[in-house]
Protein backbone atom coordinates (compact mmCIF):
# COMPACT_ATOMS: atom_id res chain seq x y z
CA UNK A 1 92.14 114.57 107.41
CA UNK A 2 88.93 115.03 109.30
CA UNK A 3 88.84 118.11 111.53
CA UNK A 4 88.46 116.64 114.53
CA UNK A 5 92.02 114.35 113.27
CA UNK A 6 93.50 118.05 112.72
CA UNK A 7 92.15 119.24 116.39
CA UNK A 8 94.36 116.47 118.26
CA UNK A 9 97.12 115.98 116.22
CA UNK A 10 98.36 119.31 115.02
CA UNK A 11 97.70 121.36 118.37
CA UNK A 12 99.10 124.79 118.06
CA UNK A 13 102.61 124.63 118.42
CA UNK A 14 102.35 122.29 115.33
CA UNK A 15 100.70 124.60 113.09
CA UNK A 16 103.00 127.63 114.18
CA UNK A 17 105.88 125.15 113.18
CA UNK A 18 104.69 124.14 110.22
CA UNK A 19 103.99 128.04 109.24
CA UNK A 20 107.65 128.18 109.73
CA UNK A 21 108.69 125.88 107.59
CA UNK A 22 106.22 126.47 104.92
CA UNK A 23 103.81 128.87 102.89
CA UNK A 24 100.48 127.33 104.93
CA UNK A 25 97.27 128.48 105.98
CA UNK A 26 97.45 126.77 109.17
CA UNK A 27 93.61 126.40 109.95
CA UNK A 28 92.62 125.14 106.45
CA UNK A 29 91.50 121.81 106.85
CA UNK A 30 90.14 119.57 104.32
CA UNK A 31 88.07 116.65 104.72
CA UNK A 32 86.46 117.16 101.41
CA UNK A 33 88.64 117.52 98.13
CA UNK A 34 85.98 118.39 95.86
CA UNK A 35 84.53 121.60 97.07
CA UNK A 36 85.49 125.50 95.81
CA UNK A 37 87.74 125.53 98.70
CA UNK A 38 89.50 122.96 98.25
CA UNK A 39 90.43 123.33 94.86
CA UNK A 40 91.26 126.79 95.72
CA UNK A 41 93.84 125.48 98.05
CA UNK A 42 94.98 122.29 95.58
CA UNK A 43 95.70 124.41 93.11
CA UNK A 44 98.73 126.12 94.67
CA UNK A 45 99.51 122.77 96.75
CA UNK A 46 103.38 121.16 96.38
CA UNK A 47 102.97 119.31 99.88
CA UNK A 48 99.66 117.35 101.10
CA UNK A 49 99.63 116.93 105.09
CA UNK A 50 97.40 114.00 105.62
CA UNK A 51 95.66 112.59 108.47
CA UNK A 52 92.86 109.90 109.71
CA UNK A 53 90.24 110.84 107.48
CA UNK A 54 91.58 112.14 104.64
CA UNK A 55 89.43 111.31 101.29
CA UNK A 56 91.10 109.29 98.55
CA UNK A 57 93.25 111.48 96.52
CA UNK A 58 92.24 109.88 93.25
CA UNK A 59 92.33 110.81 89.37
CA UNK A 60 90.17 113.88 90.30
CA UNK A 61 92.11 115.47 93.17
CA UNK A 62 95.23 115.28 91.20
CA UNK A 63 93.87 117.04 88.08
CA UNK A 64 93.21 119.69 91.12
CA UNK A 65 96.39 119.94 92.30
CA UNK A 66 99.25 119.76 89.10
CA UNK A 67 101.68 121.46 91.35
CA UNK A 68 101.51 118.57 93.99
CA UNK A 69 104.72 116.11 94.66
CA UNK A 70 104.51 114.84 97.88
CA UNK A 71 102.56 114.10 101.06
CA UNK A 72 103.20 113.41 104.64
CA UNK A 73 101.04 111.41 106.65
CA UNK A 74 100.38 112.31 110.18
CA UNK A 75 99.02 108.28 110.66
CA UNK A 76 99.94 104.77 109.80
CA UNK A 77 98.80 103.18 106.54
CA UNK A 78 98.55 104.86 103.34
CA UNK A 79 96.05 102.31 101.81
CA UNK A 80 93.14 104.42 102.58
CA UNK A 81 93.66 107.52 100.37
CA UNK A 82 96.85 107.13 98.25
CA UNK A 83 95.61 105.68 94.93
CA UNK A 84 97.59 103.98 92.41
CA UNK A 85 97.19 107.68 90.50
CA UNK A 86 99.24 108.93 93.19
CA UNK A 87 102.05 106.20 92.20
CA UNK A 88 101.29 107.04 88.64
CA UNK A 89 102.02 110.63 89.63
CA UNK A 90 105.74 109.69 91.34
CA UNK A 91 104.18 111.25 94.08
CA UNK A 92 106.48 111.21 97.57
CA UNK A 93 104.79 110.07 100.47
CA UNK A 94 106.00 109.54 103.76
CA UNK A 95 104.05 108.25 107.18
CA UNK A 96 104.36 107.96 110.67
CA UNK A 97 104.04 104.58 111.05
CA UNK A 98 107.10 103.89 112.48
CA UNK A 99 105.85 106.65 115.28
CA UNK A 100 102.63 104.61 115.78
CA UNK A 101 104.51 101.67 116.18
CA UNK A 102 106.31 102.72 119.64
CA UNK A 103 103.04 103.12 121.64
CA UNK A 104 101.73 99.33 119.75
CA UNK A 105 105.05 97.50 120.66
CA UNK A 106 104.71 98.95 123.94
CA UNK A 107 101.25 98.02 124.97
CA UNK A 108 102.41 94.68 123.36
CA UNK A 109 105.18 94.05 125.88
CA UNK A 110 103.36 95.28 128.90
CA UNK A 111 100.53 92.27 127.20
CA UNK A 112 103.15 89.96 127.23
CA UNK A 113 104.52 90.24 130.40
CA UNK A 114 100.99 90.23 132.28
CA UNK A 115 100.16 87.25 130.31
CA UNK A 116 102.76 84.86 131.04
CA UNK A 117 102.33 86.22 134.84
CA UNK A 118 98.60 85.37 134.96
CA UNK A 119 98.00 88.86 136.25
CA UNK A 120 94.30 89.27 134.65
CA UNK A 121 93.36 85.81 135.94
CA UNK A 122 95.03 86.72 139.29
CA UNK A 123 93.13 89.70 140.01
CA UNK A 124 89.60 88.80 138.78
CA UNK A 125 89.91 85.60 141.08
CA UNK A 126 91.21 87.74 143.88
CA UNK A 127 88.39 90.05 143.53
CA UNK A 128 85.90 87.18 144.12
CA UNK A 129 87.65 85.39 146.98
CA UNK A 130 88.69 88.42 148.62
CA UNK A 131 91.26 85.89 150.68
CA UNK A 132 94.86 84.97 151.00
CA UNK A 133 95.17 82.03 148.32
CA UNK A 134 98.43 80.11 147.47
CA UNK A 135 98.95 81.49 143.85
CA UNK A 136 102.23 79.30 143.08
CA UNK A 137 99.66 76.83 143.69
CA UNK A 138 96.76 78.41 142.03
CA UNK A 139 99.36 79.00 139.04
CA UNK A 140 101.80 76.63 138.80
CA UNK A 141 103.33 77.70 135.05
CA UNK A 142 102.86 81.44 136.16
CA UNK A 143 106.28 84.01 135.03
CA UNK A 144 108.26 85.22 132.40
CA UNK A 145 111.17 83.25 133.23
CA UNK A 146 111.93 81.15 130.62
CA UNK A 147 108.98 81.13 128.40
CA UNK A 148 108.66 81.25 124.76
CA UNK A 149 107.10 84.36 122.67
CA UNK A 150 106.46 84.09 118.70
CA UNK A 151 105.79 86.79 116.59
CA UNK A 152 103.89 87.28 113.82
CA UNK A 153 105.11 88.96 111.41
CA UNK A 154 108.44 91.47 111.31
CA UNK A 155 106.32 94.16 110.33
CA UNK A 156 107.48 97.83 111.63
CA UNK A 157 106.26 97.03 115.03
CA UNK A 158 106.76 93.15 115.08
CA UNK A 159 109.97 94.35 114.92
CA UNK A 160 109.92 96.70 117.48
CA UNK A 161 108.52 93.97 119.71
CA UNK A 162 111.30 91.64 119.01
CA UNK A 163 113.30 94.49 120.50
CA UNK A 164 111.98 95.41 123.61
CA UNK A 165 111.86 91.50 124.30
CA UNK A 166 115.71 91.87 124.64
CA UNK A 167 115.94 92.35 128.39
CA UNK A 168 113.65 90.13 129.33
CA UNK A 169 114.61 85.90 129.81
CA UNK A 170 112.40 85.01 127.60
CA UNK A 171 113.00 82.48 124.28
CA UNK A 172 111.73 84.65 120.89
CA UNK A 173 110.17 83.19 118.21
CA UNK A 174 109.41 84.73 114.61
CA UNK A 175 107.51 83.61 111.64
CA UNK A 176 107.78 85.84 108.91
CA UNK A 177 107.67 84.60 105.01
CA UNK A 178 109.96 87.54 103.70
CA UNK A 179 112.54 87.48 106.25
CA UNK A 180 115.67 85.16 106.27
CA UNK A 181 116.86 83.02 109.20
CA UNK A 182 120.28 84.92 108.93
CA UNK A 183 117.91 88.01 109.44
CA UNK A 184 115.45 86.46 111.95
CA UNK A 185 118.70 86.56 114.29
CA UNK A 186 120.05 89.60 113.74
CA UNK A 187 116.93 90.69 115.15
CA UNK A 188 117.13 88.98 117.89
CA UNK A 189 114.49 85.80 117.28
CA UNK A 190 114.51 82.31 116.79
CA UNK A 191 113.84 81.35 112.63
CA UNK A 192 110.31 79.00 113.25
CA UNK A 193 107.68 77.21 110.77
CA UNK A 194 103.86 78.96 111.16
CA UNK A 195 102.90 75.79 112.67
CA UNK A 196 105.76 75.48 115.01
CA UNK A 197 105.34 78.91 116.06
CA UNK A 198 101.96 77.98 117.80
CA UNK A 199 102.98 74.58 118.55
CA UNK A 200 105.96 75.83 120.59
CA UNK A 201 104.53 79.28 122.69
CA UNK A 202 103.39 80.31 125.27
CA UNK A 203 102.09 83.50 123.93
CA UNK A 204 101.70 84.30 119.94
CA UNK A 205 101.40 88.18 119.11
CA UNK A 206 99.87 88.85 116.05
CA UNK A 207 101.33 91.59 113.67
CA UNK A 208 100.59 90.28 110.48
CA UNK A 209 99.02 93.25 108.35
CA UNK A 210 95.45 92.23 106.61
CA UNK A 211 95.99 91.13 103.16
CA UNK A 212 93.90 89.01 100.80
CA UNK A 213 96.46 86.21 101.62
CA UNK A 214 96.68 87.14 105.38
CA UNK A 215 92.78 86.95 105.96
CA UNK A 216 92.04 84.01 108.48
CA UNK A 217 95.87 83.42 108.52
CA UNK A 218 95.57 82.24 112.28
CA UNK A 219 93.57 79.29 111.20
CA UNK A 220 91.50 77.00 113.83
CA UNK A 221 94.19 73.98 113.18
CA UNK A 222 96.85 76.87 113.86
CA UNK A 223 94.84 77.76 117.36
CA UNK A 224 94.48 73.83 118.26
CA UNK A 225 98.58 73.73 118.29
CA UNK A 226 98.63 76.25 121.11
CA UNK A 227 99.58 74.79 124.14
CA UNK A 228 96.73 74.76 127.03
CA UNK A 229 96.52 77.62 128.71
CA UNK A 230 98.56 80.01 125.91
CA UNK A 231 97.57 83.48 125.31
CA UNK A 232 96.60 84.80 121.72
CA UNK A 233 97.44 88.38 121.21
CA UNK A 234 96.26 90.67 118.67
CA UNK A 235 97.28 94.07 117.86
CA UNK A 236 96.68 93.61 113.94
CA UNK A 237 93.61 93.49 111.81
CA UNK A 238 90.54 91.68 113.93
CA UNK A 239 90.47 90.00 110.22
CA UNK A 240 94.15 88.03 110.61
CA UNK A 241 92.01 85.84 112.79
CA UNK A 242 89.94 83.17 112.76
CA UNK A 243 87.62 84.80 115.36
CA UNK A 244 85.27 81.76 115.40
CA UNK A 245 87.42 79.34 115.87
CA UNK A 246 89.27 81.74 119.01
CA UNK A 247 85.90 82.25 120.68
CA UNK A 248 85.20 78.38 120.95
CA UNK A 249 89.14 77.95 122.44
CA UNK A 250 88.36 80.73 124.79
CA UNK A 251 84.57 79.77 126.04
CA UNK A 252 86.13 76.25 126.16
CA UNK A 253 88.70 78.18 128.75
CA UNK A 254 91.59 76.26 126.95
CA UNK A 255 92.97 79.42 125.74
CA UNK A 256 93.64 83.21 126.80
CA UNK A 257 93.07 85.81 124.57
CA UNK A 258 94.21 89.62 124.70
CA UNK A 259 92.43 91.27 121.70
CA UNK A 260 93.03 95.12 120.65
CA UNK A 261 91.39 94.75 117.51
CA UNK A 262 88.60 92.22 116.31
CA UNK A 263 85.92 91.39 113.76
CA UNK A 264 83.90 93.92 113.65
CA UNK A 265 84.87 96.05 115.88
CA UNK A 266 82.86 96.51 117.40
CA UNK A 267 82.03 93.31 118.78
CA UNK A 268 78.16 92.54 118.68
CA UNK A 269 76.53 93.02 122.16
CA UNK A 270 76.42 89.16 122.42
CA UNK A 271 79.21 88.06 121.45
CA UNK A 272 80.50 85.53 124.01
CA UNK A 273 84.20 87.38 124.25
CA UNK A 274 82.72 90.19 125.87
CA UNK A 275 81.97 88.17 128.99
CA UNK A 276 84.21 85.43 128.58
CA UNK A 277 86.91 86.00 131.84
CA UNK A 278 90.10 84.07 129.97
CA UNK A 279 89.51 86.98 127.39
CA UNK A 280 90.62 91.28 127.44
CA UNK A 281 89.05 92.97 124.98
CA UNK A 282 90.36 96.55 124.54
CA UNK A 283 88.78 99.23 121.93
CA UNK A 284 91.73 99.82 119.58
CA UNK A 285 93.70 101.81 121.92
CA UNK A 286 97.56 100.37 121.39
CA UNK A 287 98.07 102.76 118.79
CA UNK A 288 98.90 106.41 119.46
CA UNK A 289 96.62 108.07 121.90
CA UNK A 290 96.49 111.57 123.84
CA UNK A 291 99.84 112.67 124.31
CA UNK A 292 101.21 109.89 121.90
CA UNK A 293 99.71 112.04 119.07
CA UNK A 294 101.96 114.39 119.44
CA UNK A 295 105.06 111.86 118.16
CA UNK A 296 102.74 111.20 115.08
CA UNK A 297 103.08 115.18 114.40
CA UNK A 298 106.81 115.82 115.02
CA UNK A 299 108.11 112.59 113.01
CA UNK A 300 105.42 114.59 110.21
CA UNK A 301 106.68 117.72 110.96
CA UNK A 302 110.64 116.43 110.77
CA UNK A 303 109.25 114.83 107.61
CA UNK A 304 108.00 118.06 106.19
CA UNK A 305 111.48 120.02 107.41
CA UNK A 306 113.17 117.45 105.80
CA UNK A 307 111.17 118.10 102.13
CA UNK A 308 111.46 122.17 102.48
CA UNK A 309 115.16 121.58 102.48
CA UNK A 310 115.21 119.07 99.52
CA UNK A 311 116.26 116.13 101.43
CA UNK A 312 114.59 112.63 100.77
CA UNK A 313 112.12 111.65 103.53
CA UNK A 314 113.65 109.23 106.68
CA UNK A 315 110.32 107.00 106.40
CA UNK A 316 109.02 106.93 103.12
CA UNK A 317 106.40 104.59 101.43
CA UNK A 318 107.59 102.94 98.13
CA UNK A 319 104.95 101.35 95.91
CA UNK A 320 107.54 98.31 95.38
CA UNK A 321 106.69 97.47 99.28
CA UNK A 322 102.94 97.86 98.85
CA UNK A 323 102.26 94.35 98.97
CA UNK A 324 103.54 93.82 102.25
CA UNK A 325 102.68 96.87 103.94
CA UNK A 326 99.60 97.27 106.51
């Protein structure tokens, strides 16, 4: 992983626990697998602990690591470093995606409730006008009671968002072509078609992984179906949304948007989204930050312990599921 990642995710206590579980040099961090230092370490390595900034574990790296059997990733997606050669070797791979899903789902829940309550609009107007206003008259549609929330994709994060929405007086819809109607209802959501998800919802929250078939999935046509005053929340990947179409909708004032991801990241300095009053842009902060990084480390430690004890991983990544994973 990148040295900065190691410093942030693997604190002194975590490294000490790793040293108790394994034969490891807790100070050795590899951000290049081609160097002599890396080759000496890889020669005896049975398990790799990876994170953000890990270079691809390709055929050459595997040739230098004849004993390698497993990888534990301290972040979410493994697409950037687990190559086809790893699956051909038969490596066991675990990911902390489930741990990273927790803060993303919490961020999403907060934004759904704030969006329906019209908190951002109200705070902005209050700051500008600085006087008593009849907010019921100004925002007669505000509030969360009996509002409808659409979840696009029952990913790890999408499922957790649905679960967090349970205590609230909301109708939760789900569109996911890989989830049966029965499974959707068991999750706590009503299954609907993709057009209906947008046509019926007050807020649509995007949790779709970026795959060739999902690029631009949230199209101009779908955005046009979202009711006037509706909100689109995107914590997945910017390219899942037709950003040009979304920009047109929010600049017109018809829709609101909460975007933790954009295409590109960072937006161009002249993008209208920066100054659009009905848009909140955050710098990809929904995932694990600060103290939440420890949750990633704790999950990774548990997986390392499972491996050391000869147990299967609790959070395995399987090659047959790659086509649907972030």
